[in-house]
Amino acid sequence: VATSSAAVAWAHGYADGDVLPVATLISALAEIARVLPVPLTA
């Protein structure tokens, strides 16, 4: 499973384009990785 930068940004109320706070990204990745039995790419 991959993430989409635009989809993650939109889901958290930000536009795509290097404006999503990195801390928000890292939190989202950790939440995703916790439930995944397969590789994750960000």
PDB file of all heavy atoms in Angstrom:
ATOM      1  N   VAL A   1       0.858  -1.187   0.000  1.00  0.00           N
ATOM      2  CA  VAL A   1       0.000   0.000   0.000  1.00  0.00           C
ATOM      3  C   VAL A   1       0.892   1.235   0.000  1.00  0.00           C
ATOM      4  O   VAL A   1       1.918   1.275   0.683  1.00  0.00           O
ATOM      5  CB  VAL A   1      -0.935   0.021   1.234  1.00  0.00           C
ATOM      6  CG1 VAL A   1      -1.679   1.350   1.347  1.00  0.00           C
ATOM      7  CG2 VAL A   1      -1.937  -1.135   1.153  1.00  0.00           C
ATOM      8  N   ALA A   2       0.492   2.212  -0.787  1.00  0.00           N
ATOM      9  CA  ALA A   2       1.178   3.501  -0.829  1.00  0.00           C
ATOM     10  C   ALA A   2       0.269   4.558  -0.228  1.00  0.00           C
ATOM     11  O   ALA A   2      -0.937   4.356  -0.098  1.00  0.00           O
ATOM     12  CB  ALA A   2       1.523   3.879  -2.266  1.00  0.00           C
ATOM     13  N   THR A   3       0.850   5.689   0.126  1.00  0.00           N
ATOM     14  CA  THR A   3       0.023   6.854   0.408  1.00  0.00           C
ATOM     15  C   THR A   3       0.061   7.776  -0.802  1.00  0.00           C
ATOM     16  O   THR A   3       0.990   7.738  -1.605  1.00  0.00           O
ATOM     17  CB  THR A   3       0.504   7.628   1.646  1.00  0.00           C
ATOM     18  OG1 THR A   3       1.846   8.090   1.439  1.00  0.00           O
ATOM     19  CG2 THR A   3       0.419   6.776   2.885  1.00  0.00           C
ATOM     20  N   SER A   4      -0.949   8.582  -0.933  1.00  0.00           N
ATOM     21  CA  SER A   4      -0.991   9.676  -1.905  1.00  0.00           C
ATOM     22  C   SER A   4      -0.799  10.960  -1.127  1.00  0.00           C
ATOM     23  O   SER A   4      -1.535  11.226  -0.173  1.00  0.00           O
ATOM     24  CB  SER A   4      -2.344   9.689  -2.631  1.00  0.00           C
ATOM     25  OG  SER A   4      -2.616  10.965  -3.167  1.00  0.00           O
ATOM     26  N   SER A   5       0.191  11.761  -1.513  1.00  0.00           N
ATOM     27  CA  SER A   5       0.428  13.005  -0.769  1.00  0.00           C
ATOM     28  C   SER A   5      -0.792  13.905  -0.813  1.00  0.00           C
ATOM     29  O   SER A   5      -1.164  14.520   0.195  1.00  0.00           O
ATOM     30  CB  SER A   5       1.647  13.738  -1.321  1.00  0.00           C
ATOM     31  OG  SER A   5       1.436  14.168  -2.655  1.00  0.00           O
ATOM     32  N   ALA A   6      -1.428  13.970  -1.977  1.00  0.00           N
ATOM     33  CA  ALA A   6      -2.611  14.819  -2.103  1.00  0.00           C
ATOM     34  C   ALA A   6      -3.741  14.294  -1.231  1.00  0.00           C
ATOM     35  O   ALA A   6      -4.395  15.059  -0.506  1.00  0.00           O
ATOM     36  CB  ALA A   6      -3.055  14.901  -3.555  1.00  0.00           C
ATOM     37  N   ALA A   7      -3.971  12.985  -1.265  1.00  0.00           N
ATOM     38  CA  ALA A   7      -5.076  12.412  -0.495  1.00  0.00           C
ATOM     39  C   ALA A   7      -4.850  12.576   1.000  1.00  0.00           C
ATOM     40  O   ALA A   7      -5.783  12.902   1.751  1.00  0.00           O
ATOM     41  CB  ALA A   7      -5.254  10.939  -0.854  1.00  0.00           C
ATOM     42  N   VAL A   8      -3.620  12.358   1.469  1.00  0.00           N
ATOM     43  CA  VAL A   8      -3.331  12.543   2.892  1.00  0.00           C
ATOM     44  C   VAL A   8      -3.515  14.011   3.275  1.00  0.00           C
ATOM     45  O   VAL A   8      -4.106  14.328   4.312  1.00  0.00           O
ATOM     46  CB  VAL A   8      -1.901  12.065   3.227  1.00  0.00           C
ATOM     47  CG1 VAL A   8      -1.537  12.435   4.658  1.00  0.00           C
ATOM     48  CG2 VAL A   8      -1.791  10.555   3.034  1.00  0.00           C
ATOM     49  N   ALA A   9      -3.017  14.913   2.423  1.00  0.00           N
ATOM     50  CA  ALA A   9      -3.174  16.344   2.717  1.00  0.00           C
ATOM     51  C   ALA A   9      -4.648  16.725   2.771  1.00  0.00           C
ATOM     52  O   ALA A   9      -5.086  17.396   3.725  1.00  0.00           O
ATOM     53  CB  ALA A   9      -2.440  17.173   1.663  1.00  0.00           C
ATOM     54  N   TRP A  10      -5.407  16.317   1.776  1.00  0.00           N
ATOM     55  CA  TRP A  10      -6.844  16.658   1.737  1.00  0.00           C
ATOM     56  C   TRP A  10      -7.572  16.086   2.950  1.00  0.00           C
ATOM     57  O   TRP A  10      -8.432  16.752   3.535  1.00  0.00           O
ATOM     58  CB  TRP A  10      -7.464  16.128   0.457  1.00  0.00           C
ATOM     59  CG  TRP A  10      -6.915  16.758  -0.801  1.00  0.00           C
ATOM     60  CD1 TRP A  10      -6.265  17.960  -0.910  1.00  0.00           C
ATOM     61  CD2 TRP A  10      -6.953  16.205  -2.116  1.00  0.00           C
ATOM     62  NE1 TRP A  10      -5.897  18.196  -2.218  1.00  0.00           N
ATOM     63  CE2 TRP A  10      -6.312  17.136  -2.979  1.00  0.00           C
ATOM     64  CE3 TRP A  10      -7.456  15.032  -2.663  1.00  0.00           C
ATOM     65  CZ2 TRP A  10      -6.174  16.905  -4.348  1.00  0.00           C
ATOM     66  CZ3 TRP A  10      -7.311  14.797  -4.021  1.00  0.00           C
ATOM     67  CH2 TRP A  10      -6.686  15.736  -4.856  1.00  0.00           C
ATOM     68  N   ALA A  11      -7.245  14.845   3.326  1.00  0.00           N
ATOM     69  CA  ALA A  11      -7.916  14.205   4.459  1.00  0.00           C
ATOM     70  C   ALA A  11      -7.649  14.947   5.765  1.00  0.00           C
ATOM     71  O   ALA A  11      -8.428  14.844   6.709  1.00  0.00           O
ATOM     72  CB  ALA A  11      -7.460  12.752   4.583  1.00  0.00           C
ATOM     73  N   HIS A  12      -6.568  15.717   5.798  1.00  0.00           N
ATOM     74  CA  HIS A  12      -6.221  16.472   7.011  1.00  0.00           C
ATOM     75  C   HIS A  12      -6.453  17.973   6.852  1.00  0.00           C
ATOM     76  O   HIS A  12      -6.028  18.770   7.696  1.00  0.00           O
ATOM     77  CB  HIS A  12      -4.757  16.204   7.391  1.00  0.00           C
ATOM     78  CG  HIS A  12      -4.535  14.822   7.919  1.00  0.00           C
ATOM     79  ND1 HIS A  12      -4.274  13.736   7.106  1.00  0.00           N
ATOM     80  CD2 HIS A  12      -4.573  14.333   9.185  1.00  0.00           C
ATOM     81  CE1 HIS A  12      -4.150  12.654   7.838  1.00  0.00           C
ATOM     82  NE2 HIS A  12      -4.324  12.978   9.102  1.00  0.00           N
ATOM     83  N   GLY A  13      -7.134  18.352   5.767  1.00  0.00           N
ATOM     84  CA  GLY A  13      -7.530  19.749   5.613  1.00  0.00           C
ATOM     85  C   GLY A  13      -6.478  20.664   5.030  1.00  0.00           C
ATOM     86  O   GLY A  13      -6.524  21.883   5.238  1.00  0.00           O
ATOM     87  N   TYR A  14      -5.524  20.087   4.264  1.00  0.00           N
ATOM     88  CA  TYR A  14      -4.486  20.883   3.623  1.00  0.00           C
ATOM     89  C   TYR A  14      -4.521  20.679   2.114  1.00  0.00           C
ATOM     90  O   TYR A  14      -4.964  19.640   1.623  1.00  0.00           O
ATOM     91  CB  TYR A  14      -3.094  20.494   4.136  1.00  0.00           C
ATOM     92  CG  TYR A  14      -2.860  20.824   5.587  1.00  0.00           C
ATOM     93  CD1 TYR A  14      -3.174  19.906   6.590  1.00  0.00           C
ATOM     94  CD2 TYR A  14      -2.328  22.050   5.961  1.00  0.00           C
ATOM     95  CE1 TYR A  14      -2.955  20.203   7.931  1.00  0.00           C
ATOM     96  CE2 TYR A  14      -2.104  22.359   7.304  1.00  0.00           C
ATOM     97  CZ  TYR A  14      -2.428  21.434   8.280  1.00  0.00           C
ATOM     98  OH  TYR A  14      -2.216  21.737   9.599  1.00  0.00           O
ATOM     99  N   ALA A  15      -4.016  21.654   1.391  1.00  0.00           N
ATOM    100  CA  ALA A  15      -3.829  21.495  -0.045  1.00  0.00           C
ATOM    101  C   ALA A  15      -2.586  20.655  -0.304  1.00  0.00           C
ATOM    102  O   ALA A  15      -1.694  20.547   0.543  1.00  0.00           O
ATOM    103  CB  ALA A  15      -3.681  22.865  -0.714  1.00  0.00           C
ATOM    104  N   ASP A  16      -2.525  20.042  -1.472  1.00  0.00           N
ATOM    105  CA  ASP A  16      -1.327  19.335  -1.885  1.00  0.00           C
ATOM    106  C   ASP A  16      -0.259  20.356  -2.274  1.00  0.00           C
ATOM    107  O   ASP A  16      -0.566  21.459  -2.705  1.00  0.00           O
ATOM    108  CB  ASP A  16      -1.662  18.435  -3.079  1.00  0.00           C
ATOM    109  CG  ASP A  16      -0.550  17.477  -3.429  1.00  0.00           C
ATOM    110  OD1 ASP A  16       0.250  17.134  -2.531  1.00  0.00           O
ATOM    111  OD2 ASP A  16      -0.465  17.057  -4.601  1.00  0.00           O
ATOM    112  N   GLY A  17       1.005  19.986  -2.123  1.00  0.00           N
ATOM    113  CA  GLY A  17       2.056  20.880  -2.570  1.00  0.00           C
ATOM    114  C   GLY A  17       3.009  21.329  -1.487  1.00  0.00           C
ATOM    115  O   GLY A  17       3.263  22.523  -1.311  1.00  0.00           O
ATOM    116  N   ASP A  18       3.545  20.385  -0.711  1.00  0.00           N
ATOM    117  CA  ASP A  18       4.567  20.680   0.304  1.00  0.00           C
ATOM    118  C   ASP A  18       4.076  21.594   1.419  1.00  0.00           C
ATOM    119  O   ASP A  18       4.875  22.350   1.994  1.00  0.00           O
ATOM    120  CB  ASP A  18       5.815  21.285  -0.347  1.00  0.00           C
ATOM    121  CG  ASP A  18       6.689  20.238  -1.034  1.00  0.00           C
ATOM    122  OD1 ASP A  18       6.833  19.138  -0.482  1.00  0.00           O
ATOM    123  OD2 ASP A  18       7.212  20.522  -2.123  1.00  0.00           O
ATOM    124  N   VAL A  19       2.785  21.569   1.732  1.00  0.00           N
ATOM    125  CA  VAL A  19       2.283  22.399   2.835  1.00  0.00           C
ATOM    126  C   VAL A  19       1.799  21.571   4.020  1.00  0.00           C
ATOM    127  O   VAL A  19       1.613  22.111   5.113  1.00  0.00           O
ATOM    128  CB  VAL A  19       1.149  23.348   2.373  1.00  0.00           C
ATOM    129  CG1 VAL A  19       1.666  24.332   1.336  1.00  0.00           C
ATOM    130  CG2 VAL A  19      -0.035  22.565   1.818  1.00  0.00           C
ATOM    131  N   LEU A  20       1.613  20.279   3.844  1.00  0.00           N
ATOM    132  CA  LEU A  20       1.199  19.421   4.961  1.00  0.00           C
ATOM    133  C   LEU A  20       2.313  19.416   6.008  1.00  0.00           C
ATOM    134  O   LEU A  20       3.476  19.182   5.683  1.00  0.00           O
ATOM    135  CB  LEU A  20       0.970  17.990   4.466  1.00  0.00           C
ATOM    136  CG  LEU A  20       0.562  16.957   5.530  1.00  0.00           C
ATOM    137  CD1 LEU A  20      -0.861  17.200   5.988  1.00  0.00           C
ATOM    138  CD2 LEU A  20       0.723  15.537   4.983  1.00  0.00           C
ATOM    139  N   PRO A  21       1.992  19.692   7.276  1.00  0.00           N
ATOM    140  CA  PRO A  21       3.029  19.623   8.314  1.00  0.00           C
ATOM    141  C   PRO A  21       3.640  18.224   8.370  1.00  0.00           C
ATOM    142  O   PRO A  21       2.924  17.217   8.358  1.00  0.00           O
ATOM    143  CB  PRO A  21       2.271  19.954   9.596  1.00  0.00           C
ATOM    144  CG  PRO A  21       1.086  20.747   9.147  1.00  0.00           C
ATOM    145  CD  PRO A  21       0.700  20.164   7.821  1.00  0.00           C
ATOM    146  N   VAL A  22       4.956  18.164   8.435  1.00  0.00           N
ATOM    147  CA  VAL A  22       5.629  16.867   8.449  1.00  0.00           C
ATOM    148  C   VAL A  22       5.166  16.033   9.641  1.00  0.00           C
ATOM    149  O   VAL A  22       5.013  14.805   9.537  1.00  0.00           O
ATOM    150  CB  VAL A  22       7.153  17.054   8.456  1.00  0.00           C
ATOM    151  CG1 VAL A  22       7.861  15.714   8.644  1.00  0.00           C
ATOM    152  CG2 VAL A  22       7.614  17.699   7.149  1.00  0.00           C
ATOM    153  N   ALA A  23       4.929  16.668  10.778  1.00  0.00           N
ATOM    154  CA  ALA A  23       4.462  15.927  11.949  1.00  0.00           C
ATOM    155  C   ALA A  23       3.126  15.241  11.688  1.00  0.00           C
ATOM    156  O   ALA A  23       2.882  14.122  12.162  1.00  0.00           O
ATOM    157  CB  ALA A  23       4.344  16.866  13.150  1.00  0.00           C
ATOM    158  N   THR A  24       2.253  15.896  10.909  1.00  0.00           N
ATOM    159  CA  THR A  24       0.962  15.299  10.557  1.00  0.00           C
ATOM    160  C   THR A  24       1.164  14.106   9.642  1.00  0.00           C
ATOM    161  O   THR A  24       0.518  13.060   9.798  1.00  0.00           O
ATOM    162  CB  THR A  24       0.059  16.346   9.883  1.00  0.00           C
ATOM    163  OG1 THR A  24      -0.111  17.455  10.767  1.00  0.00           O
ATOM    164  CG2 THR A  24      -1.296  15.769   9.542  1.00  0.00           C
ATOM    165  N   LEU A  25       2.066  14.252   8.682  1.00  0.00           N
ATOM    166  CA  LEU A  25       2.387  13.138   7.792  1.00  0.00           C
ATOM    167  C   LEU A  25       2.900  11.945   8.585  1.00  0.00           C
ATOM    168  O   LEU A  25       2.433  10.812   8.381  1.00  0.00           O
ATOM    169  CB  LEU A  25       3.445  13.578   6.773  1.00  0.00           C
ATOM    170  CG  LEU A  25       4.094  12.446   5.973  1.00  0.00           C
ATOM    171  CD1 LEU A  25       3.107  11.854   4.985  1.00  0.00           C
ATOM    172  CD2 LEU A  25       5.356  12.929   5.264  1.00  0.00           C
ATOM    173  N   ILE A  26       3.854  12.174   9.470  1.00  0.00           N
ATOM    174  CA  ILE A  26       4.458  11.071  10.228  1.00  0.00           C
ATOM    175  C   ILE A  26       3.417  10.374  11.089  1.00  0.00           C
ATOM    176  O   ILE A  26       3.388   9.140  11.193  1.00  0.00           O
ATOM    177  CB  ILE A  26       5.623  11.584  11.084  1.00  0.00           C
ATOM    178  CG1 ILE A  26       6.711  12.217  10.196  1.00  0.00           C
ATOM    179  CG2 ILE A  26       6.206  10.456  11.925  1.00  0.00           C
ATOM    180  CD1 ILE A  26       7.214  11.332   9.088  1.00  0.00           C
ATOM    181  N   SER A  27       2.531  11.146  11.712  1.00  0.00           N
ATOM    182  CA  SER A  27       1.463  10.557  12.513  1.00  0.00           C
ATOM    183  C   SER A  27       0.556   9.683  11.659  1.00  0.00           C
ATOM    184  O   SER A  27       0.187   8.563  12.060  1.00  0.00           O
ATOM    185  CB  SER A  27       0.657  11.666  13.190  1.00  0.00           C
ATOM    186  OG  SER A  27      -0.428  11.128  13.916  1.00  0.00           O
ATOM    187  N   ALA A  28       0.201  10.177  10.465  1.00  0.00           N
ATOM    188  CA  ALA A  28      -0.664   9.406   9.570  1.00  0.00           C
ATOM    189  C   ALA A  28       0.018   8.118   9.132  1.00  0.00           C
ATOM    190  O   ALA A  28      -0.610   7.047   9.088  1.00  0.00           O
ATOM    191  CB  ALA A  28      -1.041  10.249   8.354  1.00  0.00           C
ATOM    192  N   LEU A  29       1.305   8.180   8.828  1.00  0.00           N
ATOM    193  CA  LEU A  29       2.035   6.983   8.405  1.00  0.00           C
ATOM    194  C   LEU A  29       2.090   5.950   9.522  1.00  0.00           C
ATOM    195  O   LEU A  29       1.925   4.752   9.280  1.00  0.00           O
ATOM    196  CB  LEU A  29       3.450   7.358   7.971  1.00  0.00           C
ATOM    197  CG  LEU A  29       3.585   8.182   6.692  1.00  0.00           C
ATOM    198  CD1 LEU A  29       5.043   8.563   6.459  1.00  0.00           C
ATOM    199  CD2 LEU A  29       3.029   7.431   5.490  1.00  0.00           C
ATOM    200  N   ALA A  30       2.330   6.409  10.748  1.00  0.00           N
ATOM    201  CA  ALA A  30       2.390   5.481  11.874  1.00  0.00           C
ATOM    202  C   ALA A  30       1.041   4.795  12.090  1.00  0.00           C
ATOM    203  O   ALA A  30       0.984   3.590  12.383  1.00  0.00           O
ATOM    204  CB  ALA A  30       2.827   6.217  13.135  1.00  0.00           C
ATOM    205  N   GLU A  31      -0.040   5.545  11.947  1.00  0.00           N
ATOM    206  CA  GLU A  31      -1.370   4.962  12.102  1.00  0.00           C
ATOM    207  C   GLU A  31      -1.638   3.922  11.025  1.00  0.00           C
ATOM    208  O   GLU A  31      -2.224   2.863  11.288  1.00  0.00           O
ATOM    209  CB  GLU A  31      -2.426   6.067  12.035  1.00  0.00           C
ATOM    210  CG  GLU A  31      -2.414   7.005  13.240  1.00  0.00           C
ATOM    211  CD  GLU A  31      -3.256   8.248  13.030  1.00  0.00           C
ATOM    212  OE1 GLU A  31      -3.782   8.426  11.907  1.00  0.00           O
ATOM    213  OE2 GLU A  31      -3.367   9.045  13.977  1.00  0.00           O
ATOM    214  N   ILE A  32      -1.204   4.215   9.801  1.00  0.00           N
ATOM    215  CA  ILE A  32      -1.401   3.275   8.694  1.00  0.00           C
ATOM    216  C   ILE A  32      -0.542   2.030   8.891  1.00  0.00           C
ATOM    217  O   ILE A  32      -1.025   0.896   8.774  1.00  0.00           O
ATOM    218  CB  ILE A  32      -1.069   3.960   7.354  1.00  0.00           C
ATOM    219  CG1 ILE A  32      -2.111   5.038   7.031  1.00  0.00           C
ATOM    220  CG2 ILE A  32      -0.997   2.939   6.222  1.00  0.00           C
ATOM    221  CD1 ILE A  32      -1.744   5.937   5.871  1.00  0.00           C
ATOM    222  N   ALA A  33       0.736   2.226   9.197  1.00  0.00           N
ATOM    223  CA  ALA A  33       1.650   1.092   9.343  1.00  0.00           C
ATOM    224  C   ALA A  33       1.199   0.147  10.453  1.00  0.00           C
ATOM    225  O   ALA A  33       1.396  -1.070  10.368  1.00  0.00           O
ATOM    226  CB  ALA A  33       3.060   1.604   9.625  1.00  0.00           C
ATOM    227  N   ARG A  34       0.566   0.692  11.489  1.00  0.00           N
ATOM    228  CA  ARG A  34       0.133  -0.123  12.630  1.00  0.00           C
ATOM    229  C   ARG A  34      -0.881  -1.184  12.223  1.00  0.00           C
ATOM    230  O   ARG A  34      -0.926  -2.267  12.831  1.00  0.00           O
ATOM    231  CB  ARG A  34      -0.468   0.795  13.701  1.00  0.00           C
ATOM    232  CG  ARG A  34      -0.915   0.081  14.971  1.00  0.00           C
ATOM    233  CD  ARG A  34      -1.411   1.064  16.010  1.00  0.00           C
ATOM    234  NE  ARG A  34      -2.546   1.839  15.543  1.00  0.00           N
ATOM    235  CZ  ARG A  34      -3.817   1.407  15.579  1.00  0.00           C
ATOM    236  NH1 ARG A  34      -4.103   0.209  16.054  1.00  0.00           N
ATOM    237  NH2 ARG A  34      -4.797   2.180  15.152  1.00  0.00           N
ATOM    238  N   VAL A  35      -1.680  -0.926  11.196  1.00  0.00           N
ATOM    239  CA  VAL A  35      -2.743  -1.865  10.826  1.00  0.00           C
ATOM    240  C   VAL A  35      -2.428  -2.650   9.550  1.00  0.00           C
ATOM    241  O   VAL A  35      -3.228  -3.473   9.135  1.00  0.00           O
ATOM    242  CB  VAL A  35      -4.093  -1.130  10.644  1.00  0.00           C
ATOM    243  CG1 VAL A  35      -4.474  -0.387  11.917  1.00  0.00           C
ATOM    244  CG2 VAL A  35      -4.073  -0.168   9.459  1.00  0.00           C
ATOM    245  N   LEU A  36      -1.264  -2.414   8.964  1.00  0.00           N
ATOM    246  CA  LEU A  36      -0.945  -3.046   7.680  1.00  0.00           C
ATOM    247  C   LEU A  36      -0.107  -4.312   7.853  1.00  0.00           C
ATOM    248  O   LEU A  36       0.932  -4.273   8.521  1.00  0.00           O
ATOM    249  CB  LEU A  36      -0.176  -2.079   6.776  1.00  0.00           C
ATOM    250  CG  LEU A  36      -0.955  -1.141   5.874  1.00  0.00           C
ATOM    251  CD1 LEU A  36       0.004  -0.420   4.938  1.00  0.00           C
ATOM    252  CD2 LEU A  36      -2.028  -1.852   5.076  1.00  0.00           C
ATOM    253  N   PRO A  37      -0.495  -5.400   7.200  1.00  0.00           N
ATOM    254  CA  PRO A  37       0.341  -6.595   7.190  1.00  0.00           C
ATOM    255  C   PRO A  37       1.270  -6.646   5.975  1.00  0.00           C
ATOM    256  O   PRO A  37       1.998  -7.617   5.787  1.00  0.00           O
ATOM    257  CB  PRO A  37      -0.698  -7.724   7.129  1.00  0.00           C
ATOM    258  CG  PRO A  37      -1.805  -7.142   6.308  1.00  0.00           C
ATOM    259  CD  PRO A  37      -1.842  -5.654   6.650  1.00  0.00           C
ATOM    260  N   VAL A  38       1.223  -5.616   5.129  1.00  0.00           N
ATOM    261  CA  VAL A  38       2.003  -5.581   3.884  1.00  0.00           C
ATOM    262  C   VAL A  38       2.880  -4.322   3.882  1.00  0.00           C
ATOM    263  O   VAL A  38       2.683  -3.412   4.691  1.00  0.00           O
ATOM    264  CB  VAL A  38       1.069  -5.593   2.655  1.00  0.00           C
ATOM    265  CG1 VAL A  38       0.255  -6.879   2.605  1.00  0.00           C
ATOM    266  CG2 VAL A  38       0.157  -4.373   2.640  1.00  0.00           C
ATOM    267  N   PRO A  39       3.856  -4.240   2.968  1.00  0.00           N
ATOM    268  CA  PRO A  39       4.738  -3.074   2.942  1.00  0.00           C
ATOM    269  C   PRO A  39       3.981  -1.769   2.680  1.00  0.00           C
ATOM    270  O   PRO A  39       2.999  -1.730   1.941  1.00  0.00           O
ATOM    271  CB  PRO A  39       5.699  -3.388   1.787  1.00  0.00           C
ATOM    272  CG  PRO A  39       5.698  -4.871   1.670  1.00  0.00           C
ATOM    273  CD  PRO A  39       4.295  -5.291   2.012  1.00  0.00           C
ATOM    274  N   LEU A  40       4.518  -0.709   3.284  1.00  0.00           N
ATOM    275  CA  LEU A  40       3.980   0.637   3.117  1.00  0.00           C
ATOM    276  C   LEU A  40       5.037   1.528   2.491  1.00  0.00           C
ATOM    277  O   LEU A  40       6.185   1.548   2.932  1.00  0.00           O
ATOM    278  CB  LEU A  40       3.574   1.217   4.480  1.00  0.00           C
ATOM    279  CG  LEU A  40       3.204   2.717   4.511  1.00  0.00           C
ATOM    280  CD1 LEU A  40       1.939   2.980   3.702  1.00  0.00           C
ATOM    281  CD2 LEU A  40       3.036   3.187   5.954  1.00  0.00           C
ATOM    282  N   THR A  41       4.647   2.274   1.456  1.00  0.00           N
ATOM    283  CA  THR A  41       5.517   3.283   0.867  1.00  0.00           C
ATOM    284  C   THR A  41       4.828   4.633   0.964  1.00  0.00           C
ATOM    285  O   THR A  41       3.605   4.734   0.789  1.00  0.00           O
ATOM    286  CB  THR A  41       5.898   2.937  -0.580  1.00  0.00           C
ATOM    287  OG1 THR A  41       6.814   3.935  -1.085  1.00  0.00           O
ATOM    288  CG2 THR A  41       4.692   2.853  -1.486  1.00  0.00           C
ATOM    289  N   ALA A  42       5.601   5.659   1.270  1.00  0.00           N
ATOM    290  CA  ALA A  42       5.044   6.978   1.590  1.00  0.00           C
ATOM    291  C   ALA A  42       5.394   8.001   0.516  1.00  0.00           C
ATOM    292  O   ALA A  42       6.556   8.119   0.125  1.00  0.00           O
ATOM    293  CB  ALA A  42       5.577   7.457   2.934  1.00  0.00           C
TER     294      ALA A  42
END
